[in-house]
């Protein structure tokens, strides 16, 4: 129950103004001609359906420059694997990103084969921010032809 309260606390942060816009859920850019499926904090606790070969982009809120990162738990590698490191998205000035500002982290995952796996990610809050563990999770179901939606 405490984790749910903390999740709603961190997810109530306002959207950042950024040079790179955070895509809404279901926006469909492509990688190698295959649609990329974006999920944001609003999909927490839901199910996401992907095709084999499709990329899942997870975009979650975090402070720019924070040493704390969203960390994915291991998934069933036959179904879903992480395919990129963490990329920070946030407001910029000519000197770079504004440290401490509201921003986002983006990670990419690739659907490897048919099946179901839980993608669970956690963020340990700093003691001065109230401490606690924030949790984001979606159930990922992979099936269908390569690259189909």
N, C-alpha and C. Protein backbone atom coordinates (compact mmCIF):
# COMPACT_ATOMS: atom_id res chain seq x y z
N UNK A 1 0.82 -1.19 0.00
CA UNK A 1 0.00 0.00 0.00
C UNK A 1 0.86 1.25 0.00
N UNK A 2 1.95 1.26 0.78
CA UNK A 2 2.83 2.42 0.86
C UNK A 2 3.46 2.70 -0.50
N UNK A 3 3.81 1.65 -1.25
CA UNK A 3 4.42 1.86 -2.57
C UNK A 3 3.44 2.55 -3.50
N UNK A 4 2.17 2.22 -3.41
CA UNK A 4 1.18 2.86 -4.27
C UNK A 4 1.07 4.34 -3.95
N UNK A 5 1.14 4.70 -2.69
CA UNK A 5 1.07 6.10 -2.31
C UNK A 5 2.28 6.86 -2.82
N UNK A 6 3.46 6.25 -2.71
CA UNK A 6 4.66 6.90 -3.20
C UNK A 6 4.62 7.06 -4.71
N UNK A 7 4.13 6.05 -5.41
CA UNK A 7 4.04 6.14 -6.86
C UNK A 7 3.17 7.30 -7.26
N UNK A 8 2.01 7.47 -6.62
CA UNK A 8 1.14 8.57 -7.00
C UNK A 8 1.78 9.91 -6.66
N UNK A 9 2.63 9.96 -5.65
CA UNK A 9 3.31 11.20 -5.30
C UNK A 9 4.29 11.60 -6.39
N UNK A 10 5.14 10.69 -6.81
CA UNK A 10 6.14 11.05 -7.81
C UNK A 10 5.51 11.26 -9.17
N UNK A 11 4.45 10.56 -9.48
CA UNK A 11 3.85 10.68 -10.78
C UNK A 11 2.94 11.89 -10.92
N UNK A 12 2.81 12.69 -9.85
CA UNK A 12 2.00 13.88 -9.97
C UNK A 12 2.84 15.09 -10.37
N UNK A 13 4.14 14.87 -10.66
CA UNK A 13 4.99 15.98 -11.07
C UNK A 13 4.54 16.52 -12.42
N UNK A 14 4.67 17.84 -12.63
CA UNK A 14 4.24 18.42 -13.90
C UNK A 14 5.15 17.98 -15.04
N UNK A 15 4.63 18.02 -16.23
CA UNK A 15 5.42 17.66 -17.41
C UNK A 15 6.52 18.69 -17.60
N UNK A 16 7.66 18.25 -18.11
CA UNK A 16 8.76 19.19 -18.30
C UNK A 16 8.64 19.87 -19.66
N UNK A 17 9.24 21.03 -19.74
CA UNK A 17 9.39 21.71 -21.02
C UNK A 17 10.74 21.26 -21.53
N UNK A 18 10.79 20.75 -22.72
CA UNK A 18 12.00 20.09 -23.16
C UNK A 18 12.24 20.33 -24.63
N UNK A 19 13.49 20.21 -25.02
CA UNK A 19 13.80 20.29 -26.44
C UNK A 19 13.40 19.01 -27.15
N UNK A 20 13.21 17.93 -26.41
CA UNK A 20 12.70 16.68 -26.97
C UNK A 20 11.39 16.38 -26.27
N UNK A 21 10.32 16.34 -26.99
CA UNK A 21 9.02 16.11 -26.39
C UNK A 21 8.89 14.65 -25.95
N UNK A 22 8.28 14.44 -24.81
CA UNK A 22 8.03 13.08 -24.33
C UNK A 22 6.79 12.57 -25.06
N UNK A 23 6.92 11.45 -25.78
CA UNK A 23 5.77 10.97 -26.54
C UNK A 23 4.67 10.42 -25.63
N UNK A 24 3.45 10.62 -26.04
CA UNK A 24 2.31 10.05 -25.34
C UNK A 24 2.26 8.55 -25.62
N UNK A 25 1.54 7.82 -24.79
CA UNK A 25 1.38 6.38 -25.04
C UNK A 25 0.76 6.18 -26.41
N UNK A 26 1.17 5.14 -27.07
CA UNK A 26 0.65 4.74 -28.37
C UNK A 26 1.13 5.59 -29.54
N UNK A 27 2.12 6.50 -29.36
CA UNK A 27 2.72 7.21 -30.48
C UNK A 27 3.54 6.18 -31.24
N UNK A 28 3.56 6.26 -32.57
CA UNK A 28 4.17 5.18 -33.33
C UNK A 28 5.31 5.64 -34.24
N UNK A 29 6.47 6.06 -33.68
CA UNK A 29 7.66 6.19 -34.51
C UNK A 29 8.17 4.79 -34.82
N UNK A 30 9.19 4.66 -35.64
CA UNK A 30 9.68 3.32 -35.99
C UNK A 30 11.19 3.20 -35.78
N UNK A 31 11.64 1.98 -35.58
CA UNK A 31 13.05 1.61 -35.62
C UNK A 31 13.15 0.50 -36.65
N UNK A 32 13.96 0.71 -37.67
CA UNK A 32 14.10 -0.25 -38.78
C UNK A 32 12.74 -0.59 -39.39
N UNK A 33 11.84 0.39 -39.46
CA UNK A 33 10.54 0.19 -40.07
C UNK A 33 9.52 -0.51 -39.19
N UNK A 34 9.90 -0.87 -37.96
CA UNK A 34 8.98 -1.55 -37.04
C UNK A 34 8.50 -0.53 -36.01
N UNK A 35 7.19 -0.44 -35.76
CA UNK A 35 6.67 0.55 -34.81
C UNK A 35 7.25 0.42 -33.41
N UNK A 36 7.55 1.57 -32.80
CA UNK A 36 8.00 1.62 -31.40
C UNK A 36 6.79 1.95 -30.55
N UNK A 37 6.58 1.18 -29.50
CA UNK A 37 5.44 1.38 -28.61
C UNK A 37 5.92 2.11 -27.36
N UNK A 38 5.43 3.33 -27.12
CA UNK A 38 5.83 4.12 -25.96
C UNK A 38 4.86 3.93 -24.80
N UNK A 39 5.40 3.78 -23.60
CA UNK A 39 4.58 3.78 -22.40
C UNK A 39 5.13 4.82 -21.43
N UNK A 40 4.22 5.45 -20.72
CA UNK A 40 4.57 6.45 -19.72
C UNK A 40 3.93 6.05 -18.40
N UNK A 41 4.11 6.87 -17.39
CA UNK A 41 3.60 6.58 -16.05
C UNK A 41 2.11 6.24 -16.03
N UNK A 42 1.36 6.75 -16.99
CA UNK A 42 -0.08 6.50 -17.04
C UNK A 42 -0.42 5.03 -17.30
N UNK A 43 0.52 4.26 -17.83
CA UNK A 43 0.27 2.84 -18.12
C UNK A 43 0.65 1.93 -16.95
N UNK A 44 1.06 2.50 -15.83
CA UNK A 44 1.45 1.71 -14.67
C UNK A 44 0.35 0.72 -14.30
N UNK A 45 0.72 -0.55 -14.16
CA UNK A 45 -0.21 -1.60 -13.77
C UNK A 45 -1.00 -2.19 -14.91
N UNK A 46 -0.79 -1.73 -16.13
CA UNK A 46 -1.57 -2.21 -17.27
C UNK A 46 -0.81 -3.28 -18.06
N UNK A 47 -1.44 -3.77 -19.12
CA UNK A 47 -0.85 -4.76 -20.01
C UNK A 47 -0.53 -4.10 -21.34
N UNK A 48 0.64 -4.42 -21.88
CA UNK A 48 1.11 -3.91 -23.17
C UNK A 48 1.28 -5.09 -24.11
N UNK A 49 0.75 -4.98 -25.32
CA UNK A 49 0.89 -6.05 -26.30
C UNK A 49 1.84 -5.62 -27.40
N UNK A 50 2.83 -6.48 -27.67
CA UNK A 50 3.84 -6.22 -28.68
C UNK A 50 3.93 -7.39 -29.64
N UNK A 51 4.52 -7.13 -30.80
CA UNK A 51 4.84 -8.20 -31.74
C UNK A 51 6.32 -8.52 -31.62
N UNK A 52 6.71 -9.70 -32.02
CA UNK A 52 8.12 -10.10 -32.02
C UNK A 52 8.90 -9.08 -32.84
N UNK A 53 10.02 -8.60 -32.28
CA UNK A 53 10.87 -7.63 -32.97
C UNK A 53 10.53 -6.19 -32.67
N UNK A 54 9.40 -5.95 -32.04
CA UNK A 54 8.96 -4.59 -31.75
C UNK A 54 9.72 -4.02 -30.55
N UNK A 55 9.91 -2.70 -30.54
CA UNK A 55 10.60 -2.01 -29.45
C UNK A 55 9.58 -1.36 -28.53
N UNK A 56 9.84 -1.48 -27.23
CA UNK A 56 9.04 -0.83 -26.21
C UNK A 56 9.90 0.27 -25.60
N UNK A 57 9.44 1.51 -25.65
CA UNK A 57 10.13 2.64 -25.02
C UNK A 57 9.40 3.00 -23.74
N UNK A 58 10.10 2.97 -22.62
CA UNK A 58 9.52 3.31 -21.32
C UNK A 58 10.07 4.69 -20.92
N UNK A 59 9.17 5.64 -20.67
CA UNK A 59 9.55 7.01 -20.33
C UNK A 59 8.93 7.35 -18.98
N UNK A 60 9.79 7.52 -17.95
CA UNK A 60 9.32 7.75 -16.58
C UNK A 60 9.93 9.03 -16.01
N UNK A 61 9.21 9.70 -15.10
CA UNK A 61 9.71 10.96 -14.54
C UNK A 61 10.87 10.76 -13.57
N UNK A 62 11.80 11.71 -13.62
CA UNK A 62 12.91 11.76 -12.67
C UNK A 62 13.54 13.15 -12.78
N UNK A 63 14.29 13.55 -11.77
CA UNK A 63 14.97 14.85 -11.80
C UNK A 63 16.20 14.77 -12.69
N UNK A 64 16.42 15.81 -13.51
CA UNK A 64 17.60 15.89 -14.35
C UNK A 64 18.84 15.93 -13.46
N UNK A 65 19.84 15.13 -13.78
CA UNK A 65 21.09 15.13 -13.04
C UNK A 65 21.07 14.28 -11.78
N UNK A 66 19.95 13.65 -11.48
CA UNK A 66 19.86 12.82 -10.28
C UNK A 66 20.77 11.59 -10.42
N UNK A 67 21.42 11.21 -9.33
CA UNK A 67 22.21 9.99 -9.35
C UNK A 67 21.32 8.76 -9.20
N UNK A 68 20.06 8.98 -8.84
CA UNK A 68 19.09 7.88 -8.70
C UNK A 68 18.47 7.61 -10.07
N UNK A 69 18.40 6.37 -10.46
CA UNK A 69 17.86 5.98 -11.76
C UNK A 69 16.79 4.91 -11.59
N UNK A 70 15.85 4.90 -12.53
CA UNK A 70 14.91 3.79 -12.60
C UNK A 70 15.71 2.55 -12.98
N UNK A 71 15.49 1.46 -12.26
CA UNK A 71 16.22 0.23 -12.48
C UNK A 71 15.24 -0.89 -12.80
N UNK A 72 15.38 -1.49 -14.00
CA UNK A 72 14.47 -2.60 -14.33
C UNK A 72 14.89 -3.89 -13.64
N UNK A 73 13.91 -4.63 -13.15
CA UNK A 73 14.16 -5.98 -12.64
C UNK A 73 14.39 -6.89 -13.85
N UNK A 74 15.03 -8.03 -13.65
CA UNK A 74 15.20 -8.97 -14.77
C UNK A 74 13.85 -9.42 -15.32
N UNK A 75 13.79 -9.59 -16.63
CA UNK A 75 12.59 -10.10 -17.29
C UNK A 75 12.92 -11.46 -17.91
N UNK A 76 11.92 -12.13 -18.43
CA UNK A 76 12.14 -13.37 -19.17
C UNK A 76 12.82 -13.00 -20.48
N UNK A 77 14.13 -13.27 -20.62
CA UNK A 77 14.92 -12.86 -21.79
C UNK A 77 14.44 -13.51 -23.08
N UNK A 78 13.70 -14.58 -23.01
CA UNK A 78 13.14 -15.17 -24.22
C UNK A 78 11.99 -14.33 -24.76
N UNK A 79 11.45 -13.44 -23.90
CA UNK A 79 10.30 -12.60 -24.27
C UNK A 79 10.71 -11.15 -24.49
N UNK A 80 11.49 -10.57 -23.55
CA UNK A 80 11.80 -9.14 -23.58
C UNK A 80 13.20 -8.88 -23.04
N UNK A 81 14.00 -8.09 -23.76
CA UNK A 81 15.34 -7.73 -23.28
C UNK A 81 15.53 -6.22 -23.40
N UNK A 82 16.35 -5.69 -22.51
CA UNK A 82 16.69 -4.27 -22.57
C UNK A 82 17.63 -4.07 -23.75
N UNK A 83 17.34 -3.06 -24.58
CA UNK A 83 18.14 -2.85 -25.78
C UNK A 83 18.87 -1.52 -25.80
N UNK A 84 18.78 -0.74 -24.71
CA UNK A 84 19.53 0.52 -24.63
C UNK A 84 19.78 0.88 -23.19
N UNK A 85 20.70 1.81 -23.01
CA UNK A 85 20.92 2.36 -21.69
C UNK A 85 19.84 3.38 -21.38
N UNK A 86 20.04 4.11 -20.30
CA UNK A 86 19.08 5.13 -19.90
C UNK A 86 19.44 6.46 -20.54
N UNK A 87 18.45 7.11 -21.11
CA UNK A 87 18.64 8.44 -21.71
C UNK A 87 17.82 9.44 -20.91
N UNK A 88 18.44 10.55 -20.49
CA UNK A 88 17.73 11.58 -19.75
C UNK A 88 17.15 12.60 -20.72
N UNK A 89 15.89 12.95 -20.49
CA UNK A 89 15.19 13.95 -21.28
C UNK A 89 14.78 15.05 -20.31
N UNK A 90 15.13 16.30 -20.62
CA UNK A 90 14.77 17.38 -19.71
C UNK A 90 14.98 18.73 -20.34
N UNK A 91 14.62 19.78 -19.59
CA UNK A 91 14.77 21.14 -20.11
C UNK A 91 16.25 21.49 -20.29
N UNK A 92 16.53 22.30 -21.31
CA UNK A 92 17.90 22.66 -21.65
C UNK A 92 18.07 24.18 -21.73
N UNK A 93 19.30 24.58 -21.52
CA UNK A 93 19.73 25.94 -21.82
C UNK A 93 20.90 25.80 -22.77
N UNK A 94 21.51 26.88 -23.14
CA UNK A 94 22.70 26.79 -24.01
C UNK A 94 23.82 26.01 -23.35
N UNK A 95 23.86 26.01 -22.03
CA UNK A 95 24.90 25.31 -21.30
C UNK A 95 24.62 23.84 -21.07
N UNK A 96 23.47 23.34 -21.49
CA UNK A 96 23.12 21.93 -21.30
C UNK A 96 21.83 21.79 -20.51
N UNK A 97 21.63 20.61 -19.95
CA UNK A 97 20.41 20.36 -19.18
C UNK A 97 20.45 21.10 -17.85
N UNK A 98 19.28 21.43 -17.35
CA UNK A 98 19.15 22.15 -16.08
C UNK A 98 19.06 21.12 -14.96
N UNK A 99 20.13 21.01 -14.17
CA UNK A 99 20.18 20.04 -13.09
C UNK A 99 19.10 20.29 -12.05
N UNK A 100 18.46 19.21 -11.58
CA UNK A 100 17.43 19.30 -10.56
C UNK A 100 16.04 19.60 -11.10
N UNK A 101 15.95 19.93 -12.39
CA UNK A 101 14.64 20.23 -12.99
C UNK A 101 13.86 18.93 -13.23
N UNK A 102 12.55 19.06 -13.36
CA UNK A 102 11.71 17.90 -13.68
C UNK A 102 12.10 17.39 -15.07
N UNK A 103 12.34 16.12 -15.18
CA UNK A 103 12.71 15.51 -16.45
C UNK A 103 12.17 14.10 -16.54
N UNK A 104 12.72 13.34 -17.46
CA UNK A 104 12.30 11.96 -17.67
C UNK A 104 13.51 11.10 -18.00
N UNK A 105 13.36 9.81 -17.78
CA UNK A 105 14.33 8.81 -18.22
C UNK A 105 13.65 7.94 -19.26
N UNK A 106 14.41 7.60 -20.30
CA UNK A 106 13.87 6.76 -21.37
C UNK A 106 14.76 5.54 -21.55
N UNK A 107 14.13 4.35 -21.56
CA UNK A 107 14.83 3.09 -21.79
C UNK A 107 14.09 2.32 -22.87
N UNK A 108 14.85 1.59 -23.68
CA UNK A 108 14.27 0.79 -24.75
C UNK A 108 14.41 -0.70 -24.43
N UNK A 109 13.36 -1.45 -24.77
CA UNK A 109 13.33 -2.90 -24.60
C UNK A 109 12.87 -3.51 -25.91
N UNK A 110 13.36 -4.70 -26.25
CA UNK A 110 12.98 -5.36 -27.50
C UNK A 110 12.25 -6.66 -27.23
N UNK A 111 11.13 -6.86 -27.95
CA UNK A 111 10.35 -8.09 -27.86
C UNK A 111 11.09 -9.18 -28.65
N UNK A 112 11.50 -10.23 -27.95
CA UNK A 112 12.33 -11.28 -28.56
C UNK A 112 11.53 -12.47 -29.09
N UNK A 113 10.49 -12.85 -28.37
CA UNK A 113 9.74 -14.04 -28.77
C UNK A 113 8.41 -14.07 -28.05
N UNK A 114 7.50 -14.92 -28.50
CA UNK A 114 6.17 -14.99 -27.90
C UNK A 114 6.23 -15.36 -26.42
N UNK A 115 5.31 -14.77 -25.66
CA UNK A 115 5.22 -15.08 -24.25
C UNK A 115 4.76 -13.87 -23.46
N UNK A 116 4.78 -14.01 -22.14
CA UNK A 116 4.35 -12.95 -21.23
C UNK A 116 5.42 -12.77 -20.15
N UNK A 117 5.73 -11.52 -19.84
CA UNK A 117 6.68 -11.23 -18.77
C UNK A 117 6.27 -9.94 -18.07
N UNK A 118 6.70 -9.81 -16.83
CA UNK A 118 6.43 -8.60 -16.07
C UNK A 118 7.64 -7.68 -16.19
N UNK A 119 7.43 -6.45 -16.64
CA UNK A 119 8.48 -5.44 -16.65
C UNK A 119 8.24 -4.55 -15.44
N UNK A 120 9.11 -4.70 -14.44
CA UNK A 120 8.99 -3.95 -13.19
C UNK A 120 10.23 -3.10 -13.04
N UNK A 121 10.02 -1.82 -12.75
CA UNK A 121 11.13 -0.89 -12.58
C UNK A 121 10.96 -0.17 -11.25
N UNK A 122 12.08 0.07 -10.57
CA UNK A 122 12.02 0.74 -9.27
C UNK A 122 12.97 1.94 -9.25
N UNK A 123 12.64 2.89 -8.39
CA UNK A 123 13.47 4.07 -8.15
C UNK A 123 13.51 4.31 -6.66
N UNK A 124 14.71 4.29 -6.08
CA UNK A 124 14.87 4.55 -4.65
C UNK A 124 14.95 6.06 -4.46
N UNK A 125 13.98 6.62 -3.71
CA UNK A 125 13.98 8.07 -3.45
C UNK A 125 15.06 8.41 -2.42
N UNK A 126 15.60 9.61 -2.55
CA UNK A 126 16.60 10.09 -1.59
C UNK A 126 15.94 10.35 -0.24
N UNK A 127 16.67 10.16 0.87
CA UNK A 127 16.09 10.42 2.20
C UNK A 127 15.53 11.83 2.33
N UNK A 128 16.22 12.83 1.76
CA UNK A 128 15.73 14.20 1.85
C UNK A 128 14.46 14.44 1.03
N UNK A 129 14.12 13.50 0.14
CA UNK A 129 12.86 13.56 -0.62
C UNK A 129 11.80 12.66 -0.02
N UNK A 130 12.03 12.22 1.21
CA UNK A 130 11.04 11.37 1.88
C UNK A 130 11.36 9.90 1.84
N UNK A 131 12.40 9.50 1.11
CA UNK A 131 12.77 8.09 1.04
C UNK A 131 11.70 7.24 0.39
N UNK A 132 11.88 5.96 0.45
CA UNK A 132 10.89 5.03 -0.10
C UNK A 132 11.27 4.54 -1.48
N UNK A 133 10.55 3.55 -1.92
CA UNK A 133 10.78 2.91 -3.20
C UNK A 133 9.59 3.18 -4.12
N UNK A 134 9.86 3.74 -5.29
CA UNK A 134 8.81 3.96 -6.29
C UNK A 134 8.80 2.77 -7.23
N UNK A 135 7.62 2.35 -7.65
CA UNK A 135 7.49 1.16 -8.50
C UNK A 135 6.64 1.49 -9.72
N UNK A 136 7.12 1.04 -10.89
CA UNK A 136 6.35 1.10 -12.13
C UNK A 136 6.39 -0.31 -12.70
N UNK A 137 5.23 -0.81 -13.15
CA UNK A 137 5.24 -2.13 -13.78
C UNK A 137 4.15 -2.25 -14.81
N UNK A 138 4.48 -2.98 -15.87
CA UNK A 138 3.51 -3.35 -16.90
C UNK A 138 3.72 -4.82 -17.22
N UNK A 139 2.65 -5.50 -17.56
CA UNK A 139 2.74 -6.86 -18.06
C UNK A 139 2.90 -6.76 -19.57
N UNK A 140 3.93 -7.41 -20.10
CA UNK A 140 4.22 -7.36 -21.53
C UNK A 140 3.86 -8.71 -22.14
N UNK A 141 2.95 -8.66 -23.13
CA UNK A 141 2.54 -9.87 -23.85
C UNK A 141 3.06 -9.73 -25.28
N UNK A 142 3.91 -10.68 -25.68
CA UNK A 142 4.49 -10.67 -27.03
C UNK A 142 3.89 -11.82 -27.82
N UNK A 143 3.42 -11.51 -28.99
CA UNK A 143 2.86 -12.54 -29.86
C UNK A 143 2.70 -11.97 -31.26
N UNK A 144 2.29 -12.79 -32.19
CA UNK A 144 2.03 -12.30 -33.53
C UNK A 144 3.26 -12.26 -34.41
N UNK A 145 3.03 -11.83 -35.65
CA UNK A 145 4.09 -11.78 -36.64
C UNK A 145 5.08 -10.66 -36.31
N UNK A 146 6.28 -10.81 -36.78
CA UNK A 146 7.35 -9.84 -36.56
C UNK A 146 6.91 -8.45 -37.03
N UNK A 147 6.93 -7.48 -36.10
CA UNK A 147 6.64 -6.09 -36.43
C UNK A 147 5.18 -5.76 -36.59
N UNK A 148 4.27 -6.71 -36.41
CA UNK A 148 2.83 -6.42 -36.53
C UNK A 148 2.34 -5.73 -35.29
N UNK A 149 1.26 -4.96 -35.38
CA UNK A 149 0.69 -4.29 -34.20
C UNK A 149 -0.60 -4.90 -33.85
